[in-house]
Amino acid sequence: MRDRIAAALAFEESTVRSGVRKESLAPLHYLFATQAQLGRSEFKAMTGLGERVATGTLSALLRRGFLASDTPYGDVRFAVPRHALRFYFPALWPEAEQDQALLQAERGGTLGAD
């Protein structure tokens, strides 16, 4: 699963450019593997990024649905955003695969090519 999370983060960082960074892999994988929650400061520390960059990354992860929290300043937990299903569970969710095909067509790629 670690490689699948890494693929989703790489796509976000290089294609979507939403502020999500690959340095989030370790804390995201930790949250997935343990099904635990982390305080925001703990999550930011696990990224190894500076305070400002880590805060921006955490905000982007929450905004894009990779993390969830019950309150604006509460602990964070692993979440599965719909747009990441094609990476987490390849070929399991047809709508996610269809979204990928549409994105490729918009970029001038061919349908079905990955």
PDB file of N, CA and C in Angstrom:
ATOM      1  N   MET A   1       0.829  -1.193   0.000  1.00  0.00           N
ATOM      2  CA  MET A   1       0.000   0.000   0.000  1.00  0.00           C
ATOM      3  C   MET A   1       0.871   1.254   0.000  1.00  0.00           C
ATOM      4  N   ARG A   2       2.058   1.118   0.553  1.00  0.00           N
ATOM      5  CA  ARG A   2       2.956   2.271   0.599  1.00  0.00           C
ATOM      6  C   ARG A   2       3.239   2.800  -0.812  1.00  0.00           C
ATOM      7  N   ASP A   3       3.475   1.891  -1.765  1.00  0.00           N
ATOM      8  CA  ASP A   3       3.743   2.304  -3.140  1.00  0.00           C
ATOM      9  C   ASP A   3       2.531   2.963  -3.776  1.00  0.00           C
ATOM     10  N   ARG A   4       1.350   2.516  -3.426  1.00  0.00           N
ATOM     11  CA  ARG A   4       0.133   3.104  -3.981  1.00  0.00           C
ATOM     12  C   ARG A   4      -0.104   4.504  -3.446  1.00  0.00           C
ATOM     13  N   ILE A   5       0.159   4.696  -2.155  1.00  0.00           N
ATOM     14  CA  ILE A   5       0.046   6.037  -1.582  1.00  0.00           C
ATOM     15  C   ILE A   5       1.080   6.943  -2.236  1.00  0.00           C
ATOM     16  N   ALA A   6       2.299   6.432  -2.432  1.00  0.00           N
ATOM     17  CA  ALA A   6       3.359   7.206  -3.079  1.00  0.00           C
ATOM     18  C   ALA A   6       2.953   7.615  -4.489  1.00  0.00           C
ATOM     19  N   ALA A   7       2.302   6.722  -5.224  1.00  0.00           N
ATOM     20  CA  ALA A   7       1.858   7.039  -6.588  1.00  0.00           C
ATOM     21  C   ALA A   7       0.809   8.141  -6.572  1.00  0.00           C
ATOM     22  N   ALA A   8      -0.115   8.080  -5.625  1.00  0.00           N
ATOM     23  CA  ALA A   8      -1.147   9.119  -5.522  1.00  0.00           C
ATOM     24  C   ALA A   8      -0.522  10.468  -5.176  1.00  0.00           C
ATOM     25  N   LEU A   9       0.449  10.463  -4.262  1.00  0.00           N
ATOM     26  CA  LEU A   9       1.122  11.711  -3.889  1.00  0.00           C
ATOM     27  C   LEU A   9       1.939  12.274  -5.053  1.00  0.00           C
ATOM     28  N   ALA A  10       2.620  11.401  -5.776  1.00  0.00           N
ATOM     29  CA  ALA A  10       3.407  11.852  -6.924  1.00  0.00           C
ATOM     30  C   ALA A  10       2.508  12.481  -7.978  1.00  0.00           C
ATOM     31  N   PHE A  11       1.356  11.883  -8.232  1.00  0.00           N
ATOM     32  CA  PHE A  11       0.405  12.439  -9.188  1.00  0.00           C
ATOM     33  C   PHE A  11      -0.067  13.812  -8.725  1.00  0.00           C
ATOM     34  N   GLU A  12      -0.407  13.922  -7.446  1.00  0.00           N
ATOM     35  CA  GLU A  12      -0.856  15.204  -6.894  1.00  0.00           C
ATOM     36  C   GLU A  12       0.221  16.275  -7.021  1.00  0.00           C
ATOM     37  N   GLU A  13       1.453  15.884  -6.698  1.00  0.00           N
ATOM     38  CA  GLU A  13       2.544  16.862  -6.692  1.00  0.00           C
ATOM     39  C   GLU A  13       2.921  17.307  -8.100  1.00  0.00           C
ATOM     40  N   SER A  14       2.970  16.365  -9.038  1.00  0.00           N
ATOM     41  CA  SER A  14       3.463  16.711 -10.365  1.00  0.00           C
ATOM     42  C   SER A  14       2.377  17.154 -11.338  1.00  0.00           C
ATOM     43  N   THR A  15       1.180  16.629 -11.215  1.00  0.00           N
ATOM     44  CA  THR A  15       0.126  16.915 -12.189  1.00  0.00           C
ATOM     45  C   THR A  15      -0.915  17.891 -11.660  1.00  0.00           C
ATOM     46  N   VAL A  16      -1.459  17.610 -10.508  1.00  0.00           N
ATOM     47  CA  VAL A  16      -2.528  18.444  -9.951  1.00  0.00           C
ATOM     48  C   VAL A  16      -1.952  19.719  -9.338  1.00  0.00           C
ATOM     49  N   ARG A  17      -0.781  19.596  -8.746  1.00  0.00           N
ATOM     50  CA  ARG A  17      -0.094  20.725  -8.091  1.00  0.00           C
ATOM     51  C   ARG A  17      -0.979  21.432  -7.072  1.00  0.00           C
ATOM     52  N   SER A  18      -1.498  20.636  -6.164  1.00  0.00           N
ATOM     53  CA  SER A  18      -2.432  21.123  -5.150  1.00  0.00           C
ATOM     54  C   SER A  18      -1.751  21.543  -3.850  1.00  0.00           C
ATOM     55  N   GLY A  19      -0.443  21.372  -3.764  1.00  0.00           N
ATOM     56  CA  GLY A  19       0.262  21.661  -2.519  1.00  0.00           C
ATOM     57  C   GLY A  19       0.594  20.411  -1.732  1.00  0.00           C
ATOM     58  N   VAL A  20       0.091  19.267  -2.195  1.00  0.00           N
ATOM     59  CA  VAL A  20       0.421  17.984  -1.572  1.00  0.00           C
ATOM     60  C   VAL A  20       1.856  17.649  -1.944  1.00  0.00           C
ATOM     61  N   ARG A  21       2.627  17.165  -0.977  1.00  0.00           N
ATOM     62  CA  ARG A  21       4.041  16.858  -1.220  1.00  0.00           C
ATOM     63  C   ARG A  21       4.335  15.403  -0.894  1.00  0.00           C
ATOM     64  N   LYS A  22       5.320  14.859  -1.608  1.00  0.00           N
ATOM     65  CA  LYS A  22       5.679  13.448  -1.422  1.00  0.00           C
ATOM     66  C   LYS A  22       6.242  13.168  -0.033  1.00  0.00           C
ATOM     67  N   GLU A  23       6.691  14.184   0.655  1.00  0.00           N
ATOM     68  CA  GLU A  23       7.215  14.002   2.012  1.00  0.00           C
ATOM     69  C   GLU A  23       6.126  13.563   2.993  1.00  0.00           C
ATOM     70  N   SER A  24       4.878  13.617   2.566  1.00  0.00           N
ATOM     71  CA  SER A  24       3.751  13.186   3.403  1.00  0.00           C
ATOM     72  C   SER A  24       3.605  11.676   3.446  1.00  0.00           C
ATOM     73  N   LEU A  25       4.388  10.968   2.647  1.00  0.00           N
ATOM     74  CA  LEU A  25       4.238   9.520   2.541  1.00  0.00           C
ATOM     75  C   LEU A  25       4.388   8.810   3.884  1.00  0.00           C
ATOM     76  N   ALA A  26       5.440   9.088   4.622  1.00  0.00           N
ATOM     77  CA  ALA A  26       5.674   8.367   5.886  1.00  0.00           C
ATOM     78  C   ALA A  26       4.526   8.547   6.878  1.00  0.00           C
ATOM     79  N   PRO A  27       4.092   9.782   7.160  1.00  0.00           N
ATOM     80  CA  PRO A  27       2.986   9.891   8.115  1.00  0.00           C
ATOM     81  C   PRO A  27       1.660   9.347   7.571  1.00  0.00           C
ATOM     82  N   LEU A  28       1.406   9.479   6.265  1.00  0.00           N
ATOM     83  CA  LEU A  28       0.181   8.924   5.699  1.00  0.00           C
ATOM     84  C   LEU A  28       0.180   7.398   5.800  1.00  0.00           C
ATOM     85  N   HIS A  29       1.301   6.788   5.470  1.00  0.00           N
ATOM     86  CA  HIS A  29       1.387   5.335   5.561  1.00  0.00           C
ATOM     87  C   HIS A  29       1.256   4.874   7.014  1.00  0.00           C
ATOM     88  N   TYR A  30       1.848   5.616   7.921  1.00  0.00           N
ATOM     89  CA  TYR A  30       1.720   5.293   9.345  1.00  0.00           C
ATOM     90  C   TYR A  30       0.252   5.313   9.765  1.00  0.00           C
ATOM     91  N   LEU A  31      -0.476   6.359   9.362  1.00  0.00           N
ATOM     92  CA  LEU A  31      -1.893   6.450   9.714  1.00  0.00           C
ATOM     93  C   LEU A  31      -2.696   5.314   9.088  1.00  0.00           C
ATOM     94  N   PHE A  32      -2.364   4.954   7.853  1.00  0.00           N
ATOM     95  CA  PHE A  32      -3.050   3.839   7.203  1.00  0.00           C
ATOM     96  C   PHE A  32      -2.770   2.532   7.945  1.00  0.00           C
ATOM     97  N   ALA A  33      -1.516   2.267   8.226  1.00  0.00           N
ATOM     98  CA  ALA A  33      -1.118   0.988   8.825  1.00  0.00           C
ATOM     99  C   ALA A  33      -1.642   0.820  10.251  1.00  0.00           C
ATOM    100  N   THR A  34      -1.678   1.897  10.998  1.00  0.00           N
ATOM    101  CA  THR A  34      -2.096   1.799  12.399  1.00  0.00           C
ATOM    102  C   THR A  34      -3.576   2.107  12.608  1.00  0.00           C
ATOM    103  N   GLN A  35      -4.219   2.739  11.614  1.00  0.00           N
ATOM    104  CA  GLN A  35      -5.600   3.199  11.749  1.00  0.00           C
ATOM    105  C   GLN A  35      -5.753   4.082  12.983  1.00  0.00           C
ATOM    106  N   ALA A  36      -4.702   4.803  13.305  1.00  0.00           N
ATOM    107  CA  ALA A  36      -4.696   5.693  14.458  1.00  0.00           C
ATOM    108  C   ALA A  36      -4.949   7.130  14.003  1.00  0.00           C
ATOM    109  N   GLN A  37      -4.940   8.028  14.967  1.00  0.00           N
ATOM    110  CA  GLN A  37      -5.006   9.456  14.694  1.00  0.00           C
ATOM    111  C   GLN A  37      -3.733  10.089  15.229  1.00  0.00           C
ATOM    112  N   LEU A  38      -3.334  11.181  14.604  1.00  0.00           N
ATOM    113  CA  LEU A  38      -2.151  11.916  15.046  1.00  0.00           C
ATOM    114  C   LEU A  38      -2.526  13.372  15.268  1.00  0.00           C
ATOM    115  N   GLY A  39      -1.873  13.979  16.241  1.00  0.00           N
ATOM    116  CA  GLY A  39      -1.994  15.414  16.394  1.00  0.00           C
ATOM    117  C   GLY A  39      -1.360  16.089  15.188  1.00  0.00           C
ATOM    118  N   ARG A  40      -1.824  17.260  14.871  1.00  0.00           N
ATOM    119  CA  ARG A  40      -1.305  17.958  13.692  1.00  0.00           C
ATOM    120  C   ARG A  40       0.186  18.239  13.801  1.00  0.00           C
ATOM    121  N   SER A  41       0.654  18.588  14.967  1.00  0.00           N
ATOM    122  CA  SER A  41       2.086  18.867  15.130  1.00  0.00           C
ATOM    123  C   SER A  41       2.916  17.593  14.948  1.00  0.00           C
ATOM    124  N   GLU A  42       2.396  16.460  15.419  1.00  0.00           N
ATOM    125  CA  GLU A  42       3.096  15.184  15.222  1.00  0.00           C
ATOM    126  C   GLU A  42       3.164  14.826  13.741  1.00  0.00           C
ATOM    127  N   PHE A  43       2.051  15.024  13.039  1.00  0.00           N
ATOM    128  CA  PHE A  43       2.021  14.727  11.613  1.00  0.00           C
ATOM    129  C   PHE A  43       3.049  15.592  10.879  1.00  0.00           C
ATOM    130  N   LYS A  44       3.059  16.877  11.186  1.00  0.00           N
ATOM    131  CA  LYS A  44       3.999  17.794  10.524  1.00  0.00           C
ATOM    132  C   LYS A  44       5.442  17.415  10.824  1.00  0.00           C
ATOM    133  N   ALA A  45       5.720  17.007  12.045  1.00  0.00           N
ATOM    134  CA  ALA A  45       7.081  16.605  12.410  1.00  0.00           C
ATOM    135  C   ALA A  45       7.515  15.365  11.631  1.00  0.00           C
ATOM    136  N   MET A  46       6.592  14.442  11.394  1.00  0.00           N
ATOM    137  CA  MET A  46       6.917  13.209  10.669  1.00  0.00           C
ATOM    138  C   MET A  46       7.253  13.471   9.200  1.00  0.00           C
ATOM    139  N   THR A  47       6.804  14.591   8.654  1.00  0.00           N
ATOM    140  CA  THR A  47       7.118  14.888   7.256  1.00  0.00           C
ATOM    141  C   THR A  47       8.573  15.301   7.085  1.00  0.00           C
ATOM    142  N   GLY A  48       9.173  15.850   8.142  1.00  0.00           N
ATOM    143  CA  GLY A  48      10.547  16.330   8.051  1.00  0.00           C
ATOM    144  C   GLY A  48      10.661  17.689   7.371  1.00  0.00           C
ATOM    145  N   LEU A  49       9.537  18.322   7.096  1.00  0.00           N
ATOM    146  CA  LEU A  49       9.540  19.625   6.441  1.00  0.00           C
ATOM    147  C   LEU A  49       9.585  20.740   7.477  1.00  0.00           C
ATOM    148  N   GLY A  50       9.939  21.928   7.028  1.00  0.00           N
ATOM    149  CA  GLY A  50       9.901  23.097   7.900  1.00  0.00           C
ATOM    150  C   GLY A  50       8.472  23.412   8.296  1.00  0.00           C
ATOM    151  N   GLU A  51       8.307  24.199   9.333  1.00  0.00           N
ATOM    152  CA  GLU A  51       6.983  24.484   9.901  1.00  0.00           C
ATOM    153  C   GLU A  51       6.001  25.047   8.877  1.00  0.00           C
ATOM    154  N   ARG A  52       6.395  26.059   8.135  1.00  0.00           N
ATOM    155  CA  ARG A  52       5.479  26.690   7.176  1.00  0.00           C
ATOM    156  C   ARG A  52       5.109  25.749   6.032  1.00  0.00           C
ATOM    157  N   VAL A  53       6.084  25.052   5.500  1.00  0.00           N
ATOM    158  CA  VAL A  53       5.825  24.132   4.390  1.00  0.00           C
ATOM    159  C   VAL A  53       4.978  22.960   4.875  1.00  0.00           C
ATOM    160  N   ALA A  54       5.282  22.462   6.065  1.00  0.00           N
ATOM    161  CA  ALA A  54       4.511  21.342   6.621  1.00  0.00           C
ATOM    162  C   ALA A  54       3.060  21.753   6.873  1.00  0.00           C
ATOM    163  N   THR A  55       2.843  22.968   7.342  1.00  0.00           N
ATOM    164  CA  THR A  55       1.477  23.453   7.569  1.00  0.00           C
ATOM    165  C   THR A  55       0.716  23.556   6.256  1.00  0.00           C
ATOM    166  N   GLY A  56       1.371  24.074   5.231  1.00  0.00           N
ATOM    167  CA  GLY A  56       0.739  24.155   3.911  1.00  0.00           C
ATOM    168  C   GLY A  56       0.425  22.780   3.342  1.00  0.00           C
ATOM    169  N   THR A  57       1.341  21.853   3.544  1.00  0.00           N
ATOM    170  CA  THR A  57       1.136  20.484   3.068  1.00  0.00           C
ATOM    171  C   THR A  57      -0.024  19.828   3.805  1.00  0.00           C
ATOM    172  N   LEU A  58      -0.077  19.998   5.111  1.00  0.00           N
ATOM    173  CA  LEU A  58      -1.174  19.447   5.909  1.00  0.00           C
ATOM    174  C   LEU A  58      -2.511  20.016   5.445  1.00  0.00           C
ATOM    175  N   SER A  59      -2.558  21.308   5.197  1.00  0.00           N
ATOM    176  CA  SER A  59      -3.789  21.942   4.712  1.00  0.00           C
ATOM    177  C   SER A  59      -4.198  21.370   3.359  1.00  0.00           C
ATOM    178  N   ALA A  60      -3.222  21.169   2.477  1.00  0.00           N
ATOM    179  CA  ALA A  60      -3.512  20.611   1.148  1.00  0.00           C
ATOM    180  C   ALA A  60      -4.023  19.176   1.266  1.00  0.00           C
ATOM    181  N   LEU A  61      -3.445  18.389   2.157  1.00  0.00           N
ATOM    182  CA  LEU A  61      -3.897  17.007   2.354  1.00  0.00           C
ATOM    183  C   LEU A  61      -5.334  16.965   2.869  1.00  0.00           C
ATOM    184  N   LEU A  62      -5.663  17.868   3.759  1.00  0.00           N
ATOM    185  CA  LEU A  62      -7.035  17.947   4.262  1.00  0.00           C
ATOM    186  C   LEU A  62      -7.985  18.408   3.153  1.00  0.00           C
ATOM    187  N   ARG A  63      -7.595  19.422   2.419  1.00  0.00           N
ATOM    188  CA  ARG A  63      -8.424  19.969   1.341  1.00  0.00           C
ATOM    189  C   ARG A  63      -8.678  18.936   0.246  1.00  0.00           C
ATOM    190  N   ARG A  64      -7.660  18.148  -0.089  1.00  0.00           N
ATOM    191  CA  ARG A  64      -7.767  17.153  -1.157  1.00  0.00           C
ATOM    192  C   ARG A  64      -8.336  15.816  -0.672  1.00  0.00           C
ATOM    193  N   GLY A  65      -8.577  15.677   0.648  1.00  0.00           N
ATOM    194  CA  GLY A  65      -9.236  14.489   1.177  1.00  0.00           C
ATOM    195  C   GLY A  65      -8.331  13.339   1.559  1.00  0.00           C
ATOM    196  N   PHE A  66      -7.010  13.539   1.566  1.00  0.00           N
ATOM    197  CA  PHE A  66      -6.102  12.474   1.983  1.00  0.00           C
ATOM    198  C   PHE A  66      -6.116  12.301   3.499  1.00  0.00           C
ATOM    199  N   LEU A  67      -6.500  13.347   4.193  1.00  0.00           N
ATOM    200  CA  LEU A  67      -6.639  13.318   5.648  1.00  0.00           C
ATOM    201  C   LEU A  67      -8.028  13.802   6.020  1.00  0.00           C
ATOM    202  N   ALA A  68      -8.486  13.391   7.186  1.00  0.00           N
ATOM    203  CA  ALA A  68      -9.764  13.849   7.711  1.00  0.00           C
ATOM    204  C   ALA A  68      -9.569  14.256   9.166  1.00  0.00           C
ATOM    205  N   SER A  69     -10.406  15.181   9.609  1.00  0.00           N
ATOM    206  CA  SER A  69     -10.374  15.641  10.987  1.00  0.00           C
ATOM    207  C   SER A  69     -11.787  16.029  11.389  1.00  0.00           C
ATOM    208  N   ASP A  70     -12.118  15.806  12.655  1.00  0.00           N
ATOM    209  CA  ASP A  70     -13.462  16.136  13.128  1.00  0.00           C
ATOM    210  C   ASP A  70     -13.620  17.608  13.470  1.00  0.00           C
ATOM    211  N   THR A  71     -12.518  18.272  13.761  1.00  0.00           N
ATOM    212  CA  THR A  71     -12.574  19.691  14.119  1.00  0.00           C
ATOM    213  C   THR A  71     -11.456  20.431  13.381  1.00  0.00           C
ATOM    214  N   PRO A  72     -11.565  21.752  13.277  1.00  0.00           N
ATOM    215  CA  PRO A  72     -10.549  22.515  12.541  1.00  0.00           C
ATOM    216  C   PRO A  72      -9.122  22.396  13.099  1.00  0.00           C
ATOM    217  N   TYR A  73      -8.982  22.098  14.372  1.00  0.00           N
ATOM    218  CA  TYR A  73      -7.646  21.982  14.964  1.00  0.00           C
ATOM    219  C   TYR A  73      -7.403  20.613  15.585  1.00  0.00           C
ATOM    220  N   GLY A  74      -8.276  19.655  15.304  1.00  0.00           N
ATOM    221  CA  GLY A  74      -8.198  18.342  15.923  1.00  0.00           C
ATOM    222  C   GLY A  74      -7.207  17.410  15.259  1.00  0.00           C
ATOM    223  N   ASP A  75      -7.107  16.232  15.824  1.00  0.00           N
ATOM    224  CA  ASP A  75      -6.232  15.193  15.289  1.00  0.00           C
ATOM    225  C   ASP A  75      -6.648  14.848  13.858  1.00  0.00           C
ATOM    226  N   VAL A  76      -5.701  14.321  13.099  1.00  0.00           N
ATOM    227  CA  VAL A  76      -5.976  13.913  11.723  1.00  0.00           C
ATOM    228  C   VAL A  76      -5.903  12.393  11.621  1.00  0.00           C
ATOM    229  N   ARG A  77      -6.636  11.859  10.654  1.00  0.00           N
ATOM    230  CA  ARG A  77      -6.639  10.420  10.402  1.00  0.00           C
ATOM    231  C   ARG A  77      -6.596  10.190   8.892  1.00  0.00           C
ATOM    232  N   PHE A  78      -6.225   8.987   8.510  1.00  0.00           N
ATOM    233  CA  PHE A  78      -6.138   8.616   7.101  1.00  0.00           C
ATOM    234  C   PHE A  78      -7.532   8.632   6.484  1.00  0.00           C
ATOM    235  N   ALA A  79      -7.621   9.153   5.267  1.00  0.00           N
ATOM    236  CA  ALA A  79      -8.886   9.167   4.531  1.00  0.00           C
ATOM    237  C   ALA A  79      -8.597   8.740   3.094  1.00  0.00           C
ATOM    238  N   VAL A  80      -9.630   8.296   2.423  1.00  0.00           N
ATOM    239  CA  VAL A  80      -9.493   7.839   1.038  1.00  0.00           C
ATOM    240  C   VAL A  80     -10.338   8.749   0.146  1.00  0.00           C
ATOM    241  N   PRO A  81      -9.690   9.702  -0.533  1.00  0.00           N
ATOM    242  CA  PRO A  81     -10.452  10.560  -1.441  1.00  0.00           C
ATOM    243  C   PRO A  81     -10.815   9.798  -2.719  1.00  0.00           C
ATOM    244  N   ARG A  82     -11.944  10.138  -3.292  1.00  0.00           N
ATOM    245  CA  ARG A  82     -12.412   9.438  -4.495  1.00  0.00           C
ATOM    246  C   ARG A  82     -11.384   9.510  -5.623  1.00  0.00           C
ATOM    247  N   HIS A  83     -10.746  10.659  -5.774  1.00  0.00           N
ATOM    248  CA  HIS A  83      -9.787  10.818  -6.872  1.00  0.00           C
ATOM    249  C   HIS A  83      -8.531   9.968  -6.701  1.00  0.00           C
ATOM    250  N   ALA A  84      -8.305   9.410  -5.523  1.00  0.00           N
ATOM    251  CA  ALA A  84      -7.136   8.559  -5.295  1.00  0.00           C
ATOM    252  C   ALA A  84      -7.457   7.075  -5.420  1.00  0.00           C
ATOM    253  N   LEU A  85      -8.717   6.734  -5.651  1.00  0.00           N
ATOM    254  CA  LEU A  85      -9.093   5.327  -5.730  1.00  0.00           C
ATOM    255  C   LEU A  85      -8.339   4.594  -6.824  1.00  0.00           C
ATOM    256  N   ARG A  86      -8.077   5.258  -7.939  1.00  0.00           N
ATOM    257  CA  ARG A  86      -7.367   4.587  -9.045  1.00  0.00           C
ATOM    258  C   ARG A  86      -5.959   4.180  -8.629  1.00  0.00           C
ATOM    259  N   PHE A  87      -5.389   4.861  -7.640  1.00  0.00           N
ATOM    260  CA  PHE A  87      -4.052   4.506  -7.158  1.00  0.00           C
ATOM    261  C   PHE A  87      -4.129   3.480  -6.031  1.00  0.00           C
ATOM    262  N   TYR A  88      -5.062   3.671  -5.112  1.00  0.00           N
ATOM    263  CA  TYR A  88      -5.168   2.786  -3.962  1.00  0.00           C
ATOM    264  C   TYR A  88      -5.733   1.415  -4.335  1.00  0.00           C
ATOM    265  N   PHE A  89      -6.736   1.407  -5.199  1.00  0.00           N
ATOM    266  CA  PHE A  89      -7.423   0.171  -5.571  1.00  0.00           C
ATOM    267  C   PHE A  89      -7.581   0.115  -7.089  1.00  0.00           C
ATOM    268  N   PRO A  90      -6.507  -0.145  -7.815  1.00  0.00           N
ATOM    269  CA  PRO A  90      -6.566  -0.113  -9.280  1.00  0.00           C
ATOM    270  C   PRO A  90      -7.616  -1.081  -9.824  1.00  0.00           C
ATOM    271  N   ALA A  91      -8.379  -0.603 -10.790  1.00  0.00           N
ATOM    272  CA  ALA A  91      -9.398  -1.374 -11.509  1.00  0.00           C
ATOM    273  C   ALA A  91     -10.543  -1.865 -10.627  1.00  0.00           C
ATOM    274  N   LEU A  92     -10.659  -1.369  -9.416  1.00  0.00           N
ATOM    275  CA  LEU A  92     -11.743  -1.795  -8.535  1.00  0.00           C
ATOM    276  C   LEU A  92     -12.953  -0.875  -8.676  1.00  0.00           C
ATOM    277  N   TRP A  93     -12.709   0.394  -8.950  1.00  0.00           N
ATOM    278  CA  TRP A  93     -13.758   1.391  -8.988  1.00  0.00           C
ATOM    279  C   TRP A  93     -13.827   1.957 -10.399  1.00  0.00           C
ATOM    280  N   PRO A  94     -14.771   1.521 -11.217  1.00  0.00           N
ATOM    281  CA  PRO A  94     -14.816   1.929 -12.632  1.00  0.00           C
ATOM    282  C   PRO A  94     -14.906   3.438 -12.840  1.00  0.00           C
ATOM    283  N   GLU A  95     -15.632   4.151 -11.972  1.00  0.00           N
ATOM    284  CA  GLU A  95     -15.744   5.600 -12.143  1.00  0.00           C
ATOM    285  C   GLU A  95     -14.386   6.281 -12.009  1.00  0.00           C
ATOM    286  N   ALA A  96     -13.555   5.773 -11.116  1.00  0.00           N
ATOM    287  CA  ALA A  96     -12.222   6.351 -10.947  1.00  0.00           C
ATOM    288  C   ALA A  96     -11.390   6.118 -12.196  1.00  0.00           C
ATOM    289  N   GLU A  97     -11.490   4.939 -12.784  1.00  0.00           N
ATOM    290  CA  GLU A  97     -10.763   4.656 -14.017  1.00  0.00           C
ATOM    291  C   GLU A  97     -11.285   5.516 -15.158  1.00  0.00           C
ATOM    292  N   GLN A  98     -12.590   5.747 -15.192  1.00  0.00           N
ATOM    293  CA  GLN A  98     -13.165   6.595 -16.227  1.00  0.00           C
ATOM    294  C   GLN A  98     -12.663   8.024 -16.070  1.00  0.00           C
ATOM    295  N   ASP A  99     -12.585   8.518 -14.835  1.00  0.00           N
ATOM    296  CA  ASP A  99     -12.040   9.849 -14.588  1.00  0.00           C
ATOM    297  C   ASP A  99     -10.615   9.948 -15.116  1.00  0.00           C
ATOM    298  N   GLN A 100      -9.805   8.913 -14.890  1.00  0.00           N
ATOM    299  CA  GLN A 100      -8.419   8.911 -15.360  1.00  0.00           C
ATOM    300  C   GLN A 100      -8.380   8.977 -16.879  1.00  0.00           C
ATOM    301  N   ALA A 101      -9.246   8.230 -17.541  1.00  0.00           N
ATOM    302  CA  ALA A 101      -9.284   8.235 -19.000  1.00  0.00           C
ATOM    303  C   ALA A 101      -9.671   9.611 -19.524  1.00  0.00           C
ATOM    304  N   LEU A 102     -10.614  10.264 -18.867  1.00  0.00           N
ATOM    305  CA  LEU A 102     -11.011  11.606 -19.284  1.00  0.00           C
ATOM    306  C   LEU A 102      -9.875  12.610 -19.100  1.00  0.00           C
ATOM    307  N   LEU A 103      -9.156  12.498 -17.991  1.00  0.00           N
ATOM    308  CA  LEU A 103      -8.010  13.382 -17.766  1.00  0.00           C
ATOM    309  C   LEU A 103      -6.948  13.196 -18.836  1.00  0.00           C
ATOM    310  N   GLN A 104      -6.673  11.963 -19.192  1.00  0.00           N
ATOM    311  CA  GLN A 104      -5.674  11.692 -20.219  1.00  0.00           C
ATOM    312  C   GLN A 104      -6.121  12.237 -21.570  1.00  0.00           C
ATOM    313  N   ALA A 105      -7.406  12.102 -21.870  1.00  0.00           N
ATOM    314  CA  ALA A 105      -7.920  12.608 -23.140  1.00  0.00           C
ATOM    315  C   ALA A 105      -7.800  14.123 -23.204  1.00  0.00           C
ATOM    316  N   GLU A 106      -8.046  14.801 -22.079  1.00  0.00           N
ATOM    317  CA  GLU A 106      -7.926  16.254 -22.025  1.00  0.00           C
ATOM    318  C   GLU A 106      -6.478  16.701 -22.221  1.00  0.00           C
ATOM    319  N   ARG A 107      -5.521  15.884 -21.790  1.00  0.00           N
ATOM    320  CA  ARG A 107      -4.106  16.213 -21.922  1.00  0.00           C
ATOM    321  C   ARG A 107      -3.549  15.766 -23.259  1.00  0.00           C
ATOM    322  N   GLY A 108      -4.388  15.161 -24.093  1.00  0.00           N
ATOM    323  CA  GLY A 108      -3.926  14.736 -25.422  1.00  0.00           C
ATOM    324  C   GLY A 108      -3.415  13.321 -25.466  1.00  0.00           C
ATOM    325  N   GLY A 109      -3.595  12.562 -24.389  1.00  0.00           N
ATOM    326  CA  GLY A 109      -3.176  11.168 -24.377  1.00  0.00           C
ATOM    327  C   GLY A 109      -4.244  10.311 -25.020  1.00  0.00           C
ATOM    328  N   THR A 110      -3.999   9.032 -25.042  1.00  0.00           N
ATOM    329  CA  THR A 110      -4.970   8.101 -25.603  1.00  0.00           C
ATOM    330  C   THR A 110      -5.741   7.436 -24.486  1.00  0.00           C
ATOM    331  N   LEU A 111      -6.973   7.091 -24.764  1.00  0.00           N
ATOM    332  CA  LEU A 111      -7.786   6.391 -23.775  1.00  0.00           C
ATOM    333  C   LEU A 111      -7.226   5.003 -23.538  1.00  0.00           C
ATOM    334  N   GLY A 112      -7.202   4.612 -22.270  1.00  0.00           N
ATOM    335  CA  GLY A 112      -6.731   3.281 -21.917  1.00  0.00           C
ATOM    336  C   GLY A 112      -5.243   3.190 -21.728  1.00  0.00           C
ATOM    337  N   ALA A 113      -4.471   4.183 -22.159  1.00  0.00           N
ATOM    338  CA  ALA A 113      -3.014   4.137 -21.975  1.00  0.00           C
ATOM    339  C   ALA A 113      -2.683   4.640 -20.590  1.00  0.00           C
ATOM    340  N   ASP A 114      -1.801   3.974 -19.912  1.00  0.00           N
ATOM    341  CA  ASP A 114      -1.434   4.413 -18.564  1.00  0.00           C
ATOM    342  C   ASP A 114       0.026   4.541 -18.391  1.00  0.00           C
TER     343      ASP A 114
END
